[in-house]
Amino acid sequence: MISEIKERCIKSFFDKYGDEKIIVFGEGNEKAKIMLIGEAPGNQETLQKRPFVGQAGKNLNEFLKVLELNREDIYISNVVKYRPFKVNKTKNTISNRPPKREEILECLPFLIEEMDFVEPEIIVTLGNVALKAVLSNQKASIGDKHGKLIELNDRTSRLFPLYHPASIIYNRSLKFAYDEDIIRLKQILNQQ
């Protein structure tokens, strides 16, 4: 069960870090046809100990609305199970940062266990970090793979990579491609 994987994950990180890291594990329908995988939890996710809340939750709600799904219909997780952050000592602020390779490798076994347990028909990755982790390919690029249904050699699930919704904030030219990709995903889901 997912709860057993979660318990092992929490114990593993507690044994290594104590209570220094707040673990945000995946959640949702354990028999979902769609599994959504992001990069890592942010501030709100860490505070609420839930994936895809806060700004990420708003993006998720828009995504689900287009697909005509509810949050309860899917399983949601992240590659990294704790918040990667940096401290600006001058401003005395904390902000998100991309996960380091070591952090990804440390958390990847738990993500793989989640994918194995849920066995979704489609795994939707958001951005390069999730794409590279699921494909086990550091050379994979979201720019090349977004919006394409990809067969996975080692599992029955298929992969559908999307740009990370946050990337659209920084690069508005990606919005059209992102919207088209979600419409394509909806068409694929309607055919199943």
N, C-alpha and C. Protein backbone atom coordinates (compact mmCIF):
# COMPACT_ATOMS: atom_id res chain seq x y z
N MET A 1 0.83 -1.19 0.00
CA MET A 1 0.00 0.00 0.00
C MET A 1 0.88 1.26 0.00
N ILE A 2 0.31 2.34 -0.49
CA ILE A 2 1.02 3.62 -0.52
C ILE A 2 1.41 4.03 0.90
N SER A 3 0.54 3.79 1.86
CA SER A 3 0.85 4.19 3.24
C SER A 3 2.12 3.51 3.75
N GLU A 4 2.38 2.28 3.34
CA GLU A 4 3.60 1.58 3.75
C GLU A 4 4.83 2.20 3.09
N ILE A 5 4.71 2.55 1.82
CA ILE A 5 5.82 3.21 1.12
C ILE A 5 6.10 4.56 1.77
N LYS A 6 5.05 5.29 2.09
CA LYS A 6 5.18 6.59 2.75
C LYS A 6 5.90 6.44 4.10
N GLU A 7 5.48 5.48 4.88
CA GLU A 7 6.11 5.26 6.20
C GLU A 7 7.61 4.96 6.06
N ARG A 8 7.96 4.10 5.09
CA ARG A 8 9.39 3.79 4.86
C ARG A 8 10.16 5.03 4.43
N CYS A 9 9.53 5.85 3.59
CA CYS A 9 10.16 7.08 3.12
C CYS A 9 10.42 8.02 4.30
N ILE A 10 9.40 8.25 5.10
CA ILE A 10 9.53 9.16 6.24
C ILE A 10 10.58 8.65 7.21
N LYS A 11 10.57 7.35 7.49
CA LYS A 11 11.55 6.77 8.41
C LYS A 11 12.97 6.93 7.86
N SER A 12 13.12 6.66 6.55
CA SER A 12 14.44 6.76 5.92
C SER A 12 15.02 8.17 6.06
N PHE A 13 14.21 9.16 5.78
CA PHE A 13 14.70 10.54 5.86
C PHE A 13 14.84 11.01 7.29
N PHE A 14 13.97 10.54 8.18
CA PHE A 14 14.11 10.90 9.59
C PHE A 14 15.40 10.31 10.16
N ASP A 15 15.68 9.05 9.81
CA ASP A 15 16.92 8.42 10.29
C ASP A 15 18.15 9.17 9.80
N LYS A 16 18.06 9.73 8.62
CA LYS A 16 19.21 10.44 8.02
C LYS A 16 19.30 11.90 8.47
N TYR A 17 18.16 12.59 8.53
CA TYR A 17 18.15 14.04 8.76
C TYR A 17 17.47 14.47 10.05
N GLY A 18 16.87 13.55 10.78
CA GLY A 18 16.08 13.95 11.93
C GLY A 18 14.85 14.69 11.43
N ASP A 19 14.46 15.74 12.13
CA ASP A 19 13.28 16.50 11.68
C ASP A 19 13.68 17.73 10.85
N GLU A 20 14.88 17.70 10.31
CA GLU A 20 15.37 18.79 9.45
C GLU A 20 14.59 18.90 8.14
N LYS A 21 14.12 17.77 7.62
CA LYS A 21 13.37 17.77 6.35
C LYS A 21 11.91 17.42 6.62
N ILE A 22 11.02 18.18 6.05
CA ILE A 22 9.60 17.88 6.13
C ILE A 22 9.24 17.13 4.86
N ILE A 23 8.75 15.92 5.04
CA ILE A 23 8.45 15.05 3.90
C ILE A 23 7.04 15.34 3.39
N VAL A 24 6.94 15.53 2.08
CA VAL A 24 5.66 15.72 1.41
C VAL A 24 5.53 14.57 0.42
N PHE A 25 4.74 13.59 0.80
CA PHE A 25 4.61 12.38 -0.01
C PHE A 25 3.43 12.53 -0.96
N GLY A 26 3.38 11.66 -1.95
CA GLY A 26 2.28 11.68 -2.91
C GLY A 26 0.95 11.34 -2.26
N GLU A 27 -0.13 11.67 -2.97
CA GLU A 27 -1.46 11.37 -2.46
C GLU A 27 -2.44 11.26 -3.62
N GLY A 28 -3.57 10.65 -3.33
CA GLY A 28 -4.62 10.58 -4.32
C GLY A 28 -5.14 9.18 -4.51
N ASN A 29 -5.78 8.98 -5.63
CA ASN A 29 -6.40 7.72 -5.98
C ASN A 29 -5.31 6.69 -6.28
N GLU A 30 -5.22 5.66 -5.46
CA GLU A 30 -4.18 4.64 -5.62
C GLU A 30 -4.43 3.73 -6.81
N LYS A 31 -5.58 3.88 -7.43
CA LYS A 31 -5.91 3.10 -8.64
C LYS A 31 -6.13 4.05 -9.83
N ALA A 32 -5.53 5.20 -9.76
CA ALA A 32 -5.74 6.25 -10.77
C ALA A 32 -5.22 5.83 -12.14
N LYS A 33 -5.90 6.32 -13.16
CA LYS A 33 -5.43 6.12 -14.53
C LYS A 33 -4.33 7.12 -14.87
N ILE A 34 -4.31 8.25 -14.15
CA ILE A 34 -3.32 9.29 -14.39
C ILE A 34 -2.54 9.55 -13.12
N MET A 35 -1.22 9.58 -13.26
CA MET A 35 -0.34 9.97 -12.16
C MET A 35 0.41 11.21 -12.62
N LEU A 36 0.33 12.25 -11.82
CA LEU A 36 0.98 13.52 -12.13
C LEU A 36 2.23 13.62 -11.26
N ILE A 37 3.37 13.90 -11.89
CA ILE A 37 4.63 13.98 -11.16
C ILE A 37 5.28 15.34 -11.39
N GLY A 38 5.49 16.06 -10.30
CA GLY A 38 6.17 17.34 -10.35
C GLY A 38 7.61 17.20 -9.90
N GLU A 39 8.23 18.33 -9.67
CA GLU A 39 9.65 18.40 -9.33
C GLU A 39 9.89 18.17 -7.84
N ALA A 40 9.32 19.03 -7.00
CA ALA A 40 9.54 18.99 -5.56
C ALA A 40 8.53 19.90 -4.89
N PRO A 41 8.26 19.67 -3.61
CA PRO A 41 7.34 20.57 -2.92
C PRO A 41 7.93 21.96 -2.72
N GLY A 42 7.06 22.94 -2.66
CA GLY A 42 7.47 24.32 -2.37
C GLY A 42 7.07 24.68 -0.95
N ASN A 43 7.01 25.96 -0.69
CA ASN A 43 6.71 26.44 0.66
C ASN A 43 5.34 25.99 1.16
N GLN A 44 4.29 26.22 0.37
CA GLN A 44 2.95 25.87 0.82
C GLN A 44 2.78 24.35 0.97
N GLU A 45 3.39 23.61 0.06
CA GLU A 45 3.32 22.15 0.15
C GLU A 45 3.98 21.67 1.44
N THR A 46 5.09 22.28 1.80
CA THR A 46 5.79 21.90 3.02
C THR A 46 4.97 22.27 4.25
N LEU A 47 4.36 23.45 4.24
CA LEU A 47 3.53 23.87 5.38
C LEU A 47 2.32 22.96 5.56
N GLN A 48 1.69 22.58 4.44
CA GLN A 48 0.47 21.77 4.50
C GLN A 48 0.75 20.26 4.42
N LYS A 49 1.99 19.91 4.11
CA LYS A 49 2.41 18.50 3.96
C LYS A 49 1.55 17.77 2.93
N ARG A 50 1.26 18.49 1.83
CA ARG A 50 0.47 17.94 0.73
C ARG A 50 1.06 18.42 -0.59
N PRO A 51 1.09 17.57 -1.60
CA PRO A 51 1.61 18.01 -2.90
C PRO A 51 0.61 18.91 -3.63
N PHE A 52 1.14 19.82 -4.40
CA PHE A 52 0.35 20.66 -5.30
C PHE A 52 -0.77 21.42 -4.60
N VAL A 53 -0.38 22.25 -3.67
CA VAL A 53 -1.29 23.21 -3.04
C VAL A 53 -0.67 24.60 -3.27
N GLY A 54 -1.29 25.65 -2.79
CA GLY A 54 -0.76 27.00 -3.05
C GLY A 54 -0.83 27.31 -4.53
N GLN A 55 0.20 27.97 -5.08
CA GLN A 55 0.23 28.31 -6.50
C GLN A 55 0.20 27.05 -7.36
N ALA A 56 0.93 26.02 -6.93
CA ALA A 56 0.93 24.77 -7.68
C ALA A 56 -0.47 24.17 -7.71
N GLY A 57 -1.21 24.35 -6.64
CA GLY A 57 -2.59 23.86 -6.58
C GLY A 57 -3.49 24.60 -7.54
N LYS A 58 -3.28 25.90 -7.68
CA LYS A 58 -4.06 26.68 -8.65
C LYS A 58 -3.81 26.18 -10.06
N ASN A 59 -2.52 25.93 -10.37
CA ASN A 59 -2.17 25.39 -11.69
C ASN A 59 -2.80 24.02 -11.88
N LEU A 60 -2.77 23.20 -10.84
CA LEU A 60 -3.38 21.87 -10.91
C LEU A 60 -4.88 21.96 -11.16
N ASN A 61 -5.54 22.88 -10.48
CA ASN A 61 -6.99 23.03 -10.67
C ASN A 61 -7.34 23.40 -12.11
N GLU A 62 -6.55 24.28 -12.71
CA GLU A 62 -6.78 24.65 -14.11
C GLU A 62 -6.58 23.44 -15.02
N PHE A 63 -5.52 22.69 -14.75
CA PHE A 63 -5.20 21.48 -15.50
C PHE A 63 -6.37 20.49 -15.42
N LEU A 64 -6.85 20.25 -14.20
CA LEU A 64 -7.95 19.30 -13.99
C LEU A 64 -9.24 19.77 -14.63
N LYS A 65 -9.49 21.08 -14.60
CA LYS A 65 -10.71 21.63 -15.19
C LYS A 65 -10.75 21.34 -16.69
N VAL A 66 -9.63 21.56 -17.37
CA VAL A 66 -9.57 21.30 -18.81
C VAL A 66 -9.79 19.81 -19.09
N LEU A 67 -9.22 18.95 -18.25
CA LEU A 67 -9.34 17.50 -18.46
C LEU A 67 -10.67 16.95 -17.95
N GLU A 68 -11.45 17.80 -17.28
CA GLU A 68 -12.73 17.41 -16.69
C GLU A 68 -12.54 16.27 -15.68
N LEU A 69 -11.54 16.47 -14.81
CA LEU A 69 -11.23 15.52 -13.75
C LEU A 69 -11.26 16.23 -12.41
N ASN A 70 -11.36 15.46 -11.35
CA ASN A 70 -11.24 15.98 -9.99
C ASN A 70 -9.91 15.53 -9.41
N ARG A 71 -9.45 16.22 -8.41
CA ARG A 71 -8.20 15.87 -7.74
C ARG A 71 -8.25 14.42 -7.26
N GLU A 72 -9.42 13.96 -6.82
CA GLU A 72 -9.58 12.61 -6.31
C GLU A 72 -9.44 11.55 -7.41
N ASP A 73 -9.49 11.96 -8.67
CA ASP A 73 -9.40 11.02 -9.79
C ASP A 73 -7.96 10.63 -10.12
N ILE A 74 -7.00 11.42 -9.66
CA ILE A 74 -5.61 11.20 -10.05
C ILE A 74 -4.74 10.95 -8.81
N TYR A 75 -3.52 10.50 -9.07
CA TYR A 75 -2.52 10.38 -8.01
C TYR A 75 -1.46 11.43 -8.31
N ILE A 76 -1.04 12.16 -7.28
CA ILE A 76 -0.14 13.29 -7.44
C ILE A 76 1.10 13.08 -6.58
N SER A 77 2.27 13.31 -7.17
CA SER A 77 3.50 13.16 -6.40
C SER A 77 4.58 14.09 -6.97
N ASN A 78 5.73 14.04 -6.35
CA ASN A 78 6.90 14.78 -6.80
C ASN A 78 8.10 13.84 -6.83
N VAL A 79 9.09 14.19 -7.62
CA VAL A 79 10.33 13.42 -7.65
C VAL A 79 11.00 13.52 -6.29
N VAL A 80 11.29 14.73 -5.85
CA VAL A 80 11.93 14.96 -4.55
C VAL A 80 10.83 15.13 -3.52
N LYS A 81 11.01 14.51 -2.38
CA LYS A 81 9.95 14.44 -1.36
C LYS A 81 10.06 15.52 -0.28
N TYR A 82 11.03 16.40 -0.39
CA TYR A 82 11.17 17.51 0.55
C TYR A 82 11.55 18.76 -0.22
N ARG A 83 11.39 19.90 0.39
CA ARG A 83 11.60 21.17 -0.31
C ARG A 83 13.09 21.50 -0.47
N PRO A 84 13.57 21.61 -1.70
CA PRO A 84 14.91 22.15 -1.92
C PRO A 84 14.82 23.68 -1.87
N PHE A 85 15.65 24.29 -1.04
CA PHE A 85 15.56 25.74 -0.90
C PHE A 85 16.94 26.35 -0.76
N LYS A 86 16.96 27.66 -0.94
CA LYS A 86 18.19 28.42 -0.72
C LYS A 86 17.85 29.59 0.19
N VAL A 87 18.85 30.04 0.92
CA VAL A 87 18.67 31.14 1.86
C VAL A 87 19.41 32.35 1.32
N ASN A 88 18.71 33.47 1.26
CA ASN A 88 19.34 34.74 0.91
C ASN A 88 19.65 35.43 2.23
N LYS A 89 20.90 35.39 2.63
CA LYS A 89 21.28 35.93 3.94
C LYS A 89 21.16 37.45 4.00
N THR A 90 21.33 38.11 2.87
CA THR A 90 21.20 39.56 2.84
C THR A 90 19.77 39.99 3.13
N LYS A 91 18.81 39.32 2.47
CA LYS A 91 17.40 39.67 2.65
C LYS A 91 16.73 38.83 3.74
N ASN A 92 17.46 37.82 4.24
CA ASN A 92 16.93 36.91 5.24
C ASN A 92 15.63 36.23 4.76
N THR A 93 15.70 35.70 3.52
CA THR A 93 14.55 35.02 2.93
C THR A 93 14.94 33.63 2.47
N ILE A 94 13.94 32.79 2.32
CA ILE A 94 14.12 31.43 1.81
C ILE A 94 13.32 31.33 0.52
N SER A 95 13.93 30.72 -0.50
CA SER A 95 13.21 30.53 -1.77
C SER A 95 13.50 29.14 -2.31
N ASN A 96 12.63 28.69 -3.19
CA ASN A 96 12.80 27.39 -3.83
C ASN A 96 14.02 27.43 -4.74
N ARG A 97 14.60 26.26 -4.95
CA ARG A 97 15.67 26.10 -5.93
C ARG A 97 15.48 24.75 -6.60
N PRO A 98 16.04 24.57 -7.77
CA PRO A 98 15.93 23.25 -8.42
C PRO A 98 16.64 22.20 -7.56
N PRO A 99 16.10 20.98 -7.53
CA PRO A 99 16.77 19.94 -6.75
C PRO A 99 18.12 19.58 -7.34
N LYS A 100 19.03 19.21 -6.46
CA LYS A 100 20.35 18.74 -6.88
C LYS A 100 20.24 17.28 -7.29
N ARG A 101 21.17 16.85 -8.09
CA ARG A 101 21.18 15.46 -8.57
C ARG A 101 21.14 14.47 -7.40
N GLU A 102 21.90 14.75 -6.35
CA GLU A 102 21.94 13.84 -5.19
C GLU A 102 20.56 13.73 -4.54
N GLU A 103 19.84 14.84 -4.48
CA GLU A 103 18.50 14.84 -3.88
C GLU A 103 17.53 14.02 -4.73
N ILE A 104 17.65 14.14 -6.02
CA ILE A 104 16.81 13.37 -6.93
C ILE A 104 17.08 11.87 -6.76
N LEU A 105 18.36 11.51 -6.77
CA LEU A 105 18.73 10.10 -6.64
C LEU A 105 18.31 9.53 -5.28
N GLU A 106 18.39 10.35 -4.26
CA GLU A 106 18.00 9.92 -2.91
C GLU A 106 16.50 9.60 -2.83
N CYS A 107 15.69 10.37 -3.53
CA CYS A 107 14.23 10.22 -3.46
C CYS A 107 13.66 9.31 -4.53
N LEU A 108 14.39 9.09 -5.59
CA LEU A 108 13.89 8.33 -6.74
C LEU A 108 13.35 6.94 -6.40
N PRO A 109 13.98 6.18 -5.52
CA PRO A 109 13.43 4.85 -5.22
C PRO A 109 11.99 4.91 -4.69
N PHE A 110 11.66 5.94 -3.94
CA PHE A 110 10.30 6.06 -3.41
C PHE A 110 9.32 6.43 -4.52
N LEU A 111 9.73 7.27 -5.45
CA LEU A 111 8.87 7.60 -6.59
C LEU A 111 8.62 6.35 -7.43
N ILE A 112 9.66 5.57 -7.66
CA ILE A 112 9.51 4.34 -8.45
C ILE A 112 8.53 3.39 -7.76
N GLU A 113 8.63 3.27 -6.44
CA GLU A 113 7.68 2.43 -5.70
C GLU A 113 6.25 2.93 -5.87
N GLU A 114 6.08 4.26 -5.83
CA GLU A 114 4.74 4.83 -6.03
C GLU A 114 4.21 4.48 -7.42
N MET A 115 5.05 4.66 -8.44
CA MET A 115 4.62 4.36 -9.81
C MET A 115 4.29 2.88 -9.96
N ASP A 116 5.11 2.02 -9.35
CA ASP A 116 4.86 0.57 -9.43
C ASP A 116 3.55 0.20 -8.75
N PHE A 117 3.25 0.83 -7.63
CA PHE A 117 2.04 0.50 -6.90
C PHE A 117 0.79 1.01 -7.62
N VAL A 118 0.81 2.27 -8.03
CA VAL A 118 -0.37 2.87 -8.66
C VAL A 118 -0.61 2.26 -10.05
N GLU A 119 0.45 2.00 -10.79
CA GLU A 119 0.36 1.48 -12.15
C GLU A 119 -0.63 2.26 -13.01
N PRO A 120 -0.45 3.56 -13.13
CA PRO A 120 -1.38 4.36 -13.94
C PRO A 120 -1.25 4.03 -15.42
N GLU A 121 -2.28 4.35 -16.17
CA GLU A 121 -2.18 4.19 -17.61
C GLU A 121 -1.25 5.24 -18.19
N ILE A 122 -1.35 6.46 -17.64
CA ILE A 122 -0.53 7.57 -18.14
C ILE A 122 0.14 8.27 -16.97
N ILE A 123 1.44 8.48 -17.12
CA ILE A 123 2.21 9.28 -16.18
C ILE A 123 2.44 10.63 -16.85
N VAL A 124 1.99 11.69 -16.20
CA VAL A 124 2.18 13.05 -16.72
C VAL A 124 3.28 13.70 -15.89
N THR A 125 4.38 14.04 -16.56
CA THR A 125 5.47 14.72 -15.87
C THR A 125 5.40 16.20 -16.17
N LEU A 126 5.78 17.00 -15.17
CA LEU A 126 5.81 18.45 -15.33
C LEU A 126 7.26 18.93 -15.29
N GLY A 127 7.76 19.32 -16.43
CA GLY A 127 9.10 19.89 -16.50
C GLY A 127 10.21 18.87 -16.67
N ASN A 128 11.43 19.39 -16.79
CA ASN A 128 12.61 18.58 -17.06
C ASN A 128 12.99 17.63 -15.93
N VAL A 129 12.91 18.08 -14.70
CA VAL A 129 13.34 17.24 -13.57
C VAL A 129 12.53 15.95 -13.54
N ALA A 130 11.21 16.06 -13.60
CA ALA A 130 10.36 14.88 -13.56
C ALA A 130 10.55 14.02 -14.81
N LEU A 131 10.65 14.65 -15.96
CA LEU A 131 10.85 13.91 -17.21
C LEU A 131 12.13 13.08 -17.14
N LYS A 132 13.23 13.70 -16.77
CA LYS A 132 14.52 13.00 -16.70
C LYS A 132 14.49 11.88 -15.67
N ALA A 133 13.81 12.10 -14.54
CA ALA A 133 13.73 11.08 -13.50
C ALA A 133 12.95 9.86 -13.97
N VAL A 134 11.80 10.09 -14.59
CA VAL A 134 10.96 8.96 -15.03
C VAL A 134 11.63 8.20 -16.17
N LEU A 135 12.29 8.91 -17.07
CA LEU A 135 12.97 8.25 -18.18
C LEU A 135 14.35 7.70 -17.80
N SER A 136 14.85 8.09 -16.63
CA SER A 136 16.22 7.74 -16.23
C SER A 136 17.21 8.16 -17.32
N ASN A 137 17.02 9.38 -17.80
CA ASN A 137 17.83 9.89 -18.91
C ASN A 137 18.10 11.37 -18.68
N GLN A 138 19.33 11.68 -18.31
CA GLN A 138 19.71 13.06 -18.02
C GLN A 138 19.76 13.93 -19.27
N LYS A 139 19.75 13.32 -20.43
CA LYS A 139 19.80 14.10 -21.68
C LYS A 139 18.42 14.42 -22.23
N ALA A 140 17.38 13.83 -21.65
CA ALA A 140 16.01 14.09 -22.12
C ALA A 140 15.69 15.57 -21.93
N SER A 141 14.96 16.13 -22.86
CA SER A 141 14.62 17.55 -22.82
C SER A 141 13.12 17.73 -23.03
N ILE A 142 12.51 18.50 -22.14
CA ILE A 142 11.09 18.77 -22.26
C ILE A 142 10.76 19.46 -23.58
N GLY A 143 11.67 20.27 -24.07
CA GLY A 143 11.45 20.94 -25.35
C GLY A 143 11.27 19.97 -26.50
N ASP A 144 11.92 18.82 -26.41
CA ASP A 144 11.82 17.79 -27.46
C ASP A 144 10.66 16.83 -27.23
N LYS A 145 10.27 16.63 -25.99
CA LYS A 145 9.35 15.54 -25.66
C LYS A 145 7.93 15.98 -25.28
N HIS A 146 7.73 17.27 -24.99
CA HIS A 146 6.42 17.71 -24.50
C HIS A 146 5.31 17.38 -25.48
N GLY A 147 4.16 17.00 -24.92
CA GLY A 147 2.97 16.78 -25.73
C GLY A 147 2.98 15.50 -26.55
N LYS A 148 3.93 14.61 -26.28
CA LYS A 148 4.01 13.35 -27.02
C LYS A 148 3.77 12.20 -26.07
N LEU A 149 3.02 11.22 -26.53
CA LEU A 149 2.77 10.02 -25.74
C LEU A 149 3.94 9.06 -25.98
N ILE A 150 4.63 8.71 -24.92
CA ILE A 150 5.86 7.93 -25.02
C ILE A 150 5.67 6.58 -24.33
N GLU A 151 5.99 5.52 -25.04
CA GLU A 151 5.96 4.18 -24.45
C GLU A 151 7.17 4.03 -23.53
N LEU A 152 6.94 3.43 -22.38
CA LEU A 152 8.02 3.20 -21.42
C LEU A 152 8.41 1.72 -21.48
N ASN A 153 9.67 1.46 -21.66
CA ASN A 153 10.14 0.09 -21.85
C ASN A 153 9.88 -0.82 -20.66
N ASP A 154 10.01 -0.29 -19.46
CA ASP A 154 9.99 -1.13 -18.27
C ASP A 154 8.67 -1.13 -17.51
N ARG A 155 7.62 -0.58 -18.09
CA ARG A 155 6.32 -0.57 -17.39
C ARG A 155 5.18 -0.46 -18.39
N THR A 156 3.97 -0.74 -17.91
CA THR A 156 2.80 -0.69 -18.78
C THR A 156 2.30 0.74 -18.97
N SER A 157 2.68 1.63 -18.07
CA SER A 157 2.28 3.04 -18.18
C SER A 157 2.93 3.67 -19.39
N ARG A 158 2.26 4.68 -19.92
CA ARG A 158 2.86 5.52 -20.96
C ARG A 158 3.10 6.90 -20.37
N LEU A 159 4.03 7.61 -20.94
CA LEU A 159 4.45 8.91 -20.42
C LEU A 159 3.94 10.02 -21.32
N PHE A 160 3.43 11.08 -20.68
CA PHE A 160 3.00 12.28 -21.41
C PHE A 160 3.65 13.49 -20.73
N PRO A 161 4.78 13.98 -21.23
CA PRO A 161 5.46 15.12 -20.60
C PRO A 161 4.81 16.46 -20.94
N LEU A 162 4.74 17.32 -19.93
CA LEU A 162 4.26 18.69 -20.11
C LEU A 162 5.32 19.65 -19.60
N TYR A 163 5.30 20.86 -20.13
CA TYR A 163 6.11 21.91 -19.52
C TYR A 163 5.65 22.12 -18.08
N HIS A 164 6.55 22.51 -17.24
CA HIS A 164 6.16 22.82 -15.86
C HIS A 164 5.34 24.11 -15.91
N PRO A 165 4.17 24.14 -15.22
CA PRO A 165 3.34 25.35 -15.26
C PRO A 165 4.08 26.61 -14.82
N ALA A 166 5.04 26.49 -13.91
CA ALA A 166 5.80 27.67 -13.47
C ALA A 166 6.64 28.25 -14.60
N SER A 167 7.06 27.40 -15.54
CA SER A 167 7.89 27.89 -16.64
C SER A 167 7.11 28.87 -17.52
N ILE A 168 5.79 28.72 -17.54
CA ILE A 168 4.95 29.62 -18.34
C ILE A 168 4.95 31.03 -17.76
N ILE A 169 5.10 31.11 -16.45
CA ILE A 169 5.16 32.42 -15.80
C ILE A 169 6.39 33.18 -16.26
N TYR A 170 7.49 32.46 -16.41
CA TYR A 170 8.76 33.10 -16.79
C TYR A 170 8.93 33.21 -18.31
N ASN A 171 8.23 32.38 -19.04
CA ASN A 171 8.36 32.39 -20.49
C ASN A 171 6.96 32.26 -21.10
N ARG A 172 6.29 33.37 -21.31
CA ARG A 172 4.90 33.39 -21.79
C ARG A 172 4.75 32.72 -23.16
N SER A 173 5.83 32.63 -23.92
CA SER A 173 5.73 32.01 -25.24
C SER A 173 5.43 30.50 -25.15
N LEU A 174 5.61 29.90 -23.97
CA LEU A 174 5.32 28.48 -23.79
C LEU A 174 3.83 28.22 -23.53
N LYS A 175 3.07 29.24 -23.24
CA LYS A 175 1.66 29.08 -22.86
C LYS A 175 0.85 28.39 -23.95
N PHE A 176 1.06 28.78 -25.19
CA PHE A 176 0.30 28.18 -26.29
C PHE A 176 0.61 26.69 -26.40
N ALA A 177 1.88 26.33 -26.35
CA ALA A 177 2.28 24.92 -26.43
C ALA A 177 1.72 24.13 -25.26
N TYR A 178 1.77 24.70 -24.07
CA TYR A 178 1.25 24.04 -22.87
C TYR A 178 -0.25 23.78 -23.02
N ASP A 179 -1.00 24.79 -23.44
CA ASP A 179 -2.44 24.64 -23.61
C ASP A 179 -2.77 23.59 -24.68
N GLU A 180 -2.03 23.60 -25.78
CA GLU A 180 -2.24 22.61 -26.84
C GLU A 180 -1.95 21.20 -26.33
N ASP A 181 -0.89 21.07 -25.53
CA ASP A 181 -0.52 19.76 -24.99
C ASP A 181 -1.60 19.21 -24.06
N ILE A 182 -2.20 20.07 -23.25
CA ILE A 182 -3.27 19.61 -22.36
C ILE A 182 -4.50 19.17 -23.17
N ILE A 183 -4.80 19.91 -24.23
CA ILE A 183 -5.93 19.51 -25.09
C ILE A 183 -5.63 18.15 -25.74
N ARG A 184 -4.40 17.95 -26.16
CA ARG A 184 -4.01 16.65 -26.73
C ARG A 184 -4.15 15.55 -25.69
N LEU A 185 -3.74 15.81 -24.46
CA LEU A 185 -3.88 14.82 -23.39
C LEU A 185 -5.36 14.48 -23.17
N LYS A 186 -6.20 15.49 -23.20
CA LYS A 186 -7.64 15.25 -23.04
C LYS A 186 -8.16 14.35 -24.15
N GLN A 187 -7.72 14.58 -25.38
CA GLN A 187 -8.14 13.74 -26.50
C GLN A 187 -7.69 12.29 -26.30
N ILE A 188 -6.47 12.12 -25.81
CA ILE A 188 -5.96 10.78 -25.54
C ILE A 188 -6.79 10.10 -24.46
N LEU A 189 -7.12 10.82 -23.41
CA LEU A 189 -7.91 10.25 -22.33
C LEU A 189 -9.32 9.88 -22.79
N ASN A 190 -9.87 10.69 -23.67
CA ASN A 190 -11.23 10.42 -24.19
C ASN A 190 -11.26 9.19 -25.09
N GLN A 191 -10.12 8.82 -25.67
CA GLN A 191 -10.04 7.65 -26.53
C GLN A 191 -9.91 6.36 -25.73
N GLN A 192 -9.63 6.46 -24.46
CA GLN A 192 -9.42 5.25 -23.64
C GLN A 192 -10.69 4.78 -22.99
